[in-house]
Amino acid sequence: MTEPIVTTDGLTKRYGTRVAVDGVGLTVHRGEVYGFLGPNGAGKTTTLRMLLGLTRPTSGTARVLGCRPGDPAATARTGALIEAPGFYPYLSGRNNLRVMARYQGLTDTAADVALTRVGLGDRGGHAFRSYSLGMKQRLGVASALLGDPDLLVLDEPTNGLDPAGMADMRQLLVDLAGQGQTVLLSSHLLSEVQEVCDRVAVISQGRLITESTVADIRGSSSLWVRAEPVDVALAIAMGIAGDDLVRLTGGGVQIDADAGVAPELARALVEAGVLLHELRVRERSLEEVFFEITSPEPATGSGPASERTRQP
């Protein structure tokens, strides 16, 4: 296991009687892209602000790059984009970055390099006020990249980007992790998170629901069969995979078994004279699982959802 870059233990933030973040414990390792997910109002941005030292926690602890959040030693090695980026509207994108670079003791060249990395090299001379939402977001990410920080904390970095821009940003995040930098990413675009993140944490109503790899959260694959007569197909599937793993769903038969049984199942169906219309592997997307574990559940007396679903 790689070295932890960010750890929290019981991190909590209250605003009066409202609990915005409730006992969150995270571990982010060096060189990974870590997704931080949750519905709007779940406490994501508040948590990120506490990690950056912008908001003081009510209780609990956090360590960032071995320091307390907001410690100058950690701040110097962290780049961040939280909420909407703020820049001087009448300065060009390039000059905005150069101002920020000089505040950090960096050269103008560092600003130019960051601008190129986010695909704004040819628009750097244009005034910030003329930028589209996606271009403003790119410039915000460029500001976070100044100085090649060890840790990048990005809140919705693909906001406003077109599909090509999203693809470019996705590749940039992967490249950064490949170079040993760590990315802590908050996003509502779960398909993007599924493609780039090594591990994810899901937060809902301020509480951590689960923290695990994307593969573990998505779970195993299943098979779906559409065949006639369906009752014969159902009986054959039960004989191969077991009664508990087979059910009728969506006009077909779902088998919650490894895809490795597909050849045996297909052969058995054909030999039985079943008319096989479709046999495919079905993998749950991160989006499907996200909605499952963050949807409100009726009280059952079995304890909070976070205690039932959180990974060890």
Protein backbone atom coordinates (compact mmCIF):
# COMPACT_ATOMS: atom_id res chain seq x y z
CA MET A 1 0.00 0.00 0.00
CA THR A 2 1.36 3.41 -0.93
CA GLU A 3 1.93 6.21 1.54
CA PRO A 4 -1.17 8.10 2.68
CA ILE A 5 -1.27 11.71 1.49
CA VAL A 6 -4.57 12.61 3.14
CA THR A 7 -6.15 11.03 6.22
CA THR A 8 -9.15 12.08 8.27
CA ASP A 9 -10.63 10.60 11.42
CA GLY A 10 -14.08 11.53 12.66
CA LEU A 11 -14.01 14.77 10.68
CA THR A 12 -17.14 16.74 11.56
CA LYS A 13 -18.52 20.17 10.77
CA ARG A 14 -21.64 21.64 12.34
CA TYR A 15 -23.35 24.91 11.52
CA GLY A 16 -25.57 25.50 14.53
CA THR A 17 -27.85 22.49 14.77
CA ARG A 18 -27.16 21.36 11.20
CA VAL A 19 -24.48 18.72 10.72
CA ALA A 20 -22.83 19.28 7.33
CA VAL A 21 -20.12 16.63 7.71
CA ASP A 22 -20.56 13.81 10.21
CA GLY A 23 -17.56 11.78 11.37
CA VAL A 24 -15.94 11.23 7.98
CA GLY A 25 -12.83 9.08 7.76
CA LEU A 26 -10.87 9.06 4.48
CA THR A 27 -7.49 7.76 3.34
CA VAL A 28 -5.98 9.01 0.07
CA HIS A 29 -2.77 7.35 -1.09
CA ARG A 30 0.14 8.82 -3.02
CA GLY A 31 -0.13 8.64 -6.81
CA GLU A 32 -3.82 7.76 -7.04
CA VAL A 33 -6.85 9.51 -8.50
CA TYR A 34 -9.37 9.45 -5.67
CA GLY A 35 -13.00 10.22 -6.37
CA PHE A 36 -15.12 11.93 -3.72
CA LEU A 37 -18.78 11.49 -4.61
CA GLY A 38 -22.14 12.42 -3.20
CA PRO A 39 -25.45 14.12 -4.00
CA ASN A 40 -25.70 17.90 -3.94
CA GLY A 41 -25.56 19.10 -0.35
CA ALA A 42 -23.95 15.88 0.89
CA GLY A 43 -20.96 17.68 2.39
CA LYS A 44 -18.34 17.18 -0.32
CA THR A 45 -17.22 20.79 -0.72
CA THR A 46 -17.27 21.38 3.05
CA THR A 47 -14.99 18.39 3.52
CA LEU A 48 -12.57 19.61 0.86
CA ARG A 49 -12.52 23.08 2.40
CA MET A 50 -11.60 21.56 5.76
CA LEU A 51 -8.75 19.60 4.15
CA LEU A 52 -7.39 22.84 2.67
CA GLY A 53 -7.66 24.74 5.94
CA LEU A 54 -10.34 27.06 4.56
CA THR A 55 -12.95 25.84 7.05
CA ARG A 56 -12.24 24.80 10.61
CA PRO A 57 -13.74 21.45 11.67
CA THR A 58 -16.00 21.26 14.70
CA SER A 59 -14.35 18.00 15.76
CA GLY A 60 -12.20 15.21 14.38
CA THR A 61 -8.75 15.34 12.85
CA ALA A 62 -7.15 15.55 9.42
CA ARG A 63 -3.61 15.28 8.08
CA VAL A 64 -2.58 16.55 4.66
CA LEU A 65 0.93 15.76 3.44
CA GLY A 66 1.88 15.02 7.03
CA CYS A 67 0.67 18.38 8.32
CA ARG A 68 -2.44 19.94 9.73
CA PRO A 69 -4.76 21.41 7.06
CA GLY A 70 -3.74 24.95 6.24
CA ASP A 71 -0.17 24.52 7.47
CA PRO A 72 2.15 26.49 5.14
CA ALA A 73 4.24 23.37 4.52
CA ALA A 74 1.15 21.54 3.19
CA THR A 75 -0.28 24.55 1.36
CA ALA A 76 2.95 25.01 -0.59
CA ARG A 77 2.64 21.46 -1.96
CA THR A 78 -1.10 21.56 -2.69
CA GLY A 79 -2.98 22.92 -5.69
CA ALA A 80 -6.72 23.41 -5.45
CA LEU A 81 -9.80 24.39 -7.39
CA ILE A 82 -12.78 24.76 -5.08
CA GLU A 83 -16.13 25.97 -6.43
CA ALA A 84 -15.99 28.66 -9.14
CA PRO A 85 -12.50 29.95 -10.00
CA GLY A 86 -11.96 33.66 -9.34
CA PHE A 87 -9.75 35.75 -11.60
CA TYR A 88 -9.32 39.38 -12.64
CA PRO A 89 -11.86 39.83 -15.46
CA TYR A 90 -9.91 42.41 -17.46
CA LEU A 91 -6.59 40.56 -17.40
CA SER A 92 -5.84 37.89 -19.94
CA GLY A 93 -5.81 34.27 -18.90
CA ARG A 94 -2.03 34.24 -19.21
CA ASN A 95 -1.54 37.37 -17.11
CA ASN A 96 -3.93 36.07 -14.47
CA LEU A 97 -1.80 32.96 -14.13
CA ARG A 98 1.41 34.99 -14.11
CA VAL A 99 0.09 37.08 -11.22
CA MET A 100 -0.67 33.91 -9.28
CA ALA A 101 2.71 32.43 -10.18
CA ARG A 102 4.55 35.48 -8.88
CA TYR A 103 2.66 35.27 -5.58
CA GLN A 104 4.04 31.76 -5.25
CA GLY A 105 7.58 32.79 -6.18
CA LEU A 106 7.37 31.08 -9.58
CA THR A 107 8.44 32.33 -12.99
CA ASP A 108 6.22 33.45 -15.85
CA THR A 109 7.32 30.30 -17.65
CA ALA A 110 5.56 28.19 -15.00
CA ALA A 111 2.31 30.00 -15.80
CA ASP A 112 2.77 29.48 -19.54
CA VAL A 113 3.43 25.76 -19.06
CA ALA A 114 0.29 25.34 -16.93
CA LEU A 115 -1.76 27.20 -19.52
CA THR A 116 -0.56 24.86 -22.26
CA ARG A 117 -1.25 21.76 -20.18
CA VAL A 118 -4.97 22.60 -19.97
CA GLY A 119 -5.28 23.44 -23.66
CA LEU A 120 -5.45 27.24 -23.38
CA GLY A 121 -2.09 28.08 -24.93
CA ASP A 122 -3.70 29.67 -27.99
CA ARG A 123 -6.29 31.61 -25.93
CA GLY A 124 -3.97 32.82 -23.21
CA GLY A 125 -3.91 36.38 -24.56
CA HIS A 126 -7.71 36.79 -24.38
CA ALA A 127 -9.35 38.58 -21.47
CA PHE A 128 -10.77 36.29 -18.79
CA ARG A 129 -14.17 37.99 -19.09
CA SER A 130 -14.44 36.69 -22.68
CA TYR A 131 -13.89 33.06 -21.66
CA SER A 132 -16.68 30.50 -21.78
CA LEU A 133 -17.56 28.54 -18.64
CA GLY A 134 -15.44 25.63 -19.80
CA MET A 135 -12.44 27.87 -20.51
CA LYS A 136 -12.75 29.48 -17.08
CA GLN A 137 -12.76 26.03 -15.55
CA ARG A 138 -9.65 25.07 -17.52
CA LEU A 139 -7.90 28.20 -16.26
CA GLY A 140 -8.89 27.27 -12.71
CA VAL A 141 -7.28 23.86 -13.14
CA ALA A 142 -4.20 25.54 -14.62
CA SER A 143 -3.90 27.69 -11.49
CA ALA A 144 -4.02 24.53 -9.37
CA LEU A 145 -1.20 23.02 -11.46
CA LEU A 146 1.21 25.89 -10.80
CA GLY A 147 4.40 24.65 -9.21
CA ASP A 148 3.67 20.95 -9.87
CA PRO A 149 2.04 20.29 -6.46
CA ASP A 150 2.17 16.87 -4.83
CA LEU A 151 -1.57 17.01 -4.15
CA LEU A 152 -4.34 18.37 -6.37
CA VAL A 153 -7.77 18.97 -4.84
CA LEU A 154 -10.29 19.57 -7.62
CA ASP A 155 -13.97 20.30 -7.05
CA GLU A 156 -15.96 19.57 -10.24
CA PRO A 157 -13.03 20.21 -12.65
CA THR A 158 -15.03 19.19 -15.75
CA ASN A 159 -17.86 21.63 -15.06
CA GLY A 160 -18.79 23.40 -18.31
CA LEU A 161 -16.46 21.36 -20.52
CA ASP A 162 -17.62 19.90 -23.83
CA PRO A 163 -17.01 16.17 -24.53
CA ALA A 164 -13.60 16.85 -26.07
CA GLY A 165 -12.64 18.98 -23.08
CA MET A 166 -13.76 16.24 -20.70
CA ALA A 167 -11.61 13.73 -22.55
CA ASP A 168 -8.61 16.07 -22.35
CA MET A 169 -9.17 16.62 -18.62
CA ARG A 170 -9.53 12.89 -18.03
CA GLN A 171 -6.23 12.23 -19.76
CA LEU A 172 -4.54 15.03 -17.81
CA LEU A 173 -5.64 13.55 -14.48
CA VAL A 174 -4.39 10.10 -15.49
CA ASP A 175 -1.06 11.59 -16.59
CA LEU A 176 -0.66 13.47 -13.32
CA ALA A 177 -1.20 10.32 -11.30
CA GLY A 178 1.24 8.49 -13.56
CA GLN A 179 3.86 11.11 -12.69
CA GLY A 180 3.37 10.43 -8.96
CA GLN A 181 1.05 13.32 -8.16
CA THR A 182 -2.12 12.66 -6.17
CA VAL A 183 -5.54 13.87 -7.31
CA LEU A 184 -8.50 14.21 -4.96
CA LEU A 185 -11.44 14.72 -7.28
CA SER A 186 -15.03 15.68 -6.54
CA SER A 187 -17.40 15.21 -9.46
CA HIS A 188 -21.03 14.50 -10.28
CA LEU A 189 -20.09 12.94 -13.65
CA LEU A 190 -19.90 9.35 -12.49
CA SER A 191 -18.97 7.94 -15.90
CA GLU A 192 -15.86 10.12 -15.82
CA VAL A 193 -15.03 9.05 -12.27
CA GLN A 194 -15.43 5.39 -13.23
CA GLU A 195 -12.84 5.77 -15.98
CA VAL A 196 -10.13 7.69 -14.13
CA CYS A 197 -10.36 6.95 -10.40
CA ASP A 198 -8.49 4.22 -8.57
CA ARG A 199 -10.66 4.44 -5.46
CA VAL A 200 -13.74 6.39 -4.49
CA ALA A 201 -15.56 7.49 -1.36
CA VAL A 202 -19.30 8.11 -1.36
CA ILE A 203 -20.80 10.56 1.12
CA SER A 204 -24.50 11.15 1.75
CA GLN A 205 -26.12 13.51 4.25
CA GLY A 206 -22.68 14.24 5.64
CA ARG A 207 -21.84 10.61 6.41
CA LEU A 208 -19.38 8.32 4.65
CA ILE A 209 -21.28 5.48 2.99
CA THR A 210 -18.38 3.56 1.49
CA GLU A 211 -14.71 3.89 0.55
CA SER A 212 -13.24 1.30 -1.78
CA THR A 213 -11.92 0.62 -5.27
CA VAL A 214 -14.21 1.33 -8.19
CA ALA A 215 -14.21 -2.37 -9.10
CA ASP A 216 -15.22 -3.48 -5.61
CA ILE A 217 -18.01 -0.92 -5.37
CA ARG A 218 -19.43 -1.91 -8.75
CA GLY A 219 -19.38 -5.56 -7.71
CA SER A 220 -19.28 -8.63 -9.89
CA SER A 221 -20.83 -8.95 -13.32
CA SER A 222 -23.94 -10.95 -14.18
CA LEU A 223 -25.47 -12.59 -17.23
CA TRP A 224 -28.76 -11.73 -18.91
CA VAL A 225 -30.58 -14.12 -21.21
CA ARG A 226 -33.53 -13.50 -23.51
CA ALA A 227 -34.87 -16.80 -24.78
CA GLU A 228 -38.05 -18.74 -25.58
CA PRO A 229 -39.64 -20.51 -23.88
CA VAL A 230 -38.50 -18.48 -20.92
CA ASP A 231 -39.57 -21.06 -18.33
CA VAL A 232 -37.27 -23.66 -19.88
CA ALA A 233 -34.40 -21.14 -20.00
CA LEU A 234 -35.05 -20.31 -16.35
CA ALA A 235 -34.91 -23.96 -15.32
CA ILE A 236 -31.67 -24.56 -17.24
CA ALA A 237 -30.03 -21.46 -15.73
CA MET A 238 -31.05 -22.60 -12.24
CA GLY A 239 -29.54 -26.00 -12.90
CA ILE A 240 -26.21 -24.44 -13.86
CA ALA A 241 -25.91 -21.49 -11.44
CA GLY A 242 -28.24 -22.50 -8.59
CA ASP A 243 -31.73 -21.36 -7.69
CA ASP A 244 -30.61 -18.45 -5.48
CA LEU A 245 -28.62 -16.76 -8.26
CA VAL A 246 -31.27 -16.81 -10.99
CA ARG A 247 -34.41 -14.70 -11.39
CA LEU A 248 -36.80 -13.38 -14.01
CA THR A 249 -36.29 -9.71 -14.80
CA GLY A 250 -37.05 -7.35 -17.68
CA GLY A 251 -38.56 -10.03 -19.89
CA GLY A 252 -35.52 -12.27 -19.53
CA VAL A 253 -33.46 -14.29 -17.07
CA GLN A 254 -30.73 -12.74 -14.94
CA ILE A 255 -27.98 -14.95 -13.58
CA ASP A 256 -25.83 -13.43 -10.84
CA ALA A 257 -22.82 -15.55 -11.70
CA ASP A 258 -19.43 -15.05 -13.24
CA ALA A 259 -19.30 -14.55 -17.00
CA GLY A 260 -17.27 -17.77 -17.21
CA VAL A 261 -20.48 -19.83 -17.14
CA ALA A 262 -21.73 -18.19 -20.37
CA PRO A 263 -20.39 -20.89 -22.79
CA GLU A 264 -21.86 -23.72 -20.70
CA LEU A 265 -25.19 -21.91 -20.42
CA ALA A 266 -25.37 -21.18 -24.16
CA ARG A 267 -24.59 -24.79 -25.04
CA ALA A 268 -27.21 -26.13 -22.62
CA LEU A 269 -29.89 -23.79 -23.95
CA VAL A 270 -29.22 -24.70 -27.58
CA GLU A 271 -29.10 -28.45 -26.82
CA ALA A 272 -32.48 -28.14 -25.07
CA GLY A 273 -34.00 -26.58 -28.19
CA VAL A 274 -34.45 -23.17 -26.58
CA LEU A 275 -34.62 -20.25 -29.03
CA LEU A 276 -31.79 -18.06 -27.77
CA HIS A 277 -32.26 -14.41 -28.75
CA GLU A 278 -29.65 -12.77 -26.57
CA LEU A 279 -26.96 -13.69 -24.05
CA ARG A 280 -24.81 -10.90 -22.69
CA VAL A 281 -22.65 -9.96 -19.75
CA ARG A 282 -24.11 -7.16 -17.67
CA GLU A 283 -21.84 -5.02 -15.50
CA ARG A 284 -23.26 -2.49 -13.09
CA SER A 285 -22.02 1.04 -13.69
CA LEU A 286 -20.73 3.23 -10.88
CA GLU A 287 -23.77 5.42 -11.48
CA GLU A 288 -26.18 2.55 -10.81
CA VAL A 289 -24.43 1.63 -7.56
CA PHE A 290 -24.23 5.28 -6.52
CA PHE A 291 -28.00 5.70 -6.78
CA GLU A 292 -28.56 2.45 -4.93
CA ILE A 293 -26.45 3.34 -1.91
CA THR A 294 -27.44 7.01 -1.66
CA SER A 295 -31.19 6.58 -2.11
CA PRO A 296 -33.19 7.14 1.10
CA GLU A 297 -34.14 3.89 2.76
CA PRO A 298 -37.05 3.26 5.10
CA ALA A 299 -36.14 2.61 8.72
CA THR A 300 -35.72 -1.12 9.29
CA GLY A 301 -34.09 -1.19 12.68
CA SER A 302 -30.89 -2.58 11.19
CA GLY A 303 -28.80 0.51 11.79
CA PRO A 304 -27.64 3.47 9.68
CA ALA A 305 -26.95 2.89 6.00
CA SER A 306 -23.31 3.86 6.45
CA GLU A 307 -22.82 1.04 8.99
CA ARG A 308 -24.47 -1.51 6.69
CA THR A 309 -22.57 -0.67 3.49
CA ARG A 310 -19.21 0.75 4.44
CA GLN A 311 -16.34 -1.43 3.31
CA PRO A 312 -13.90 -2.68 5.97
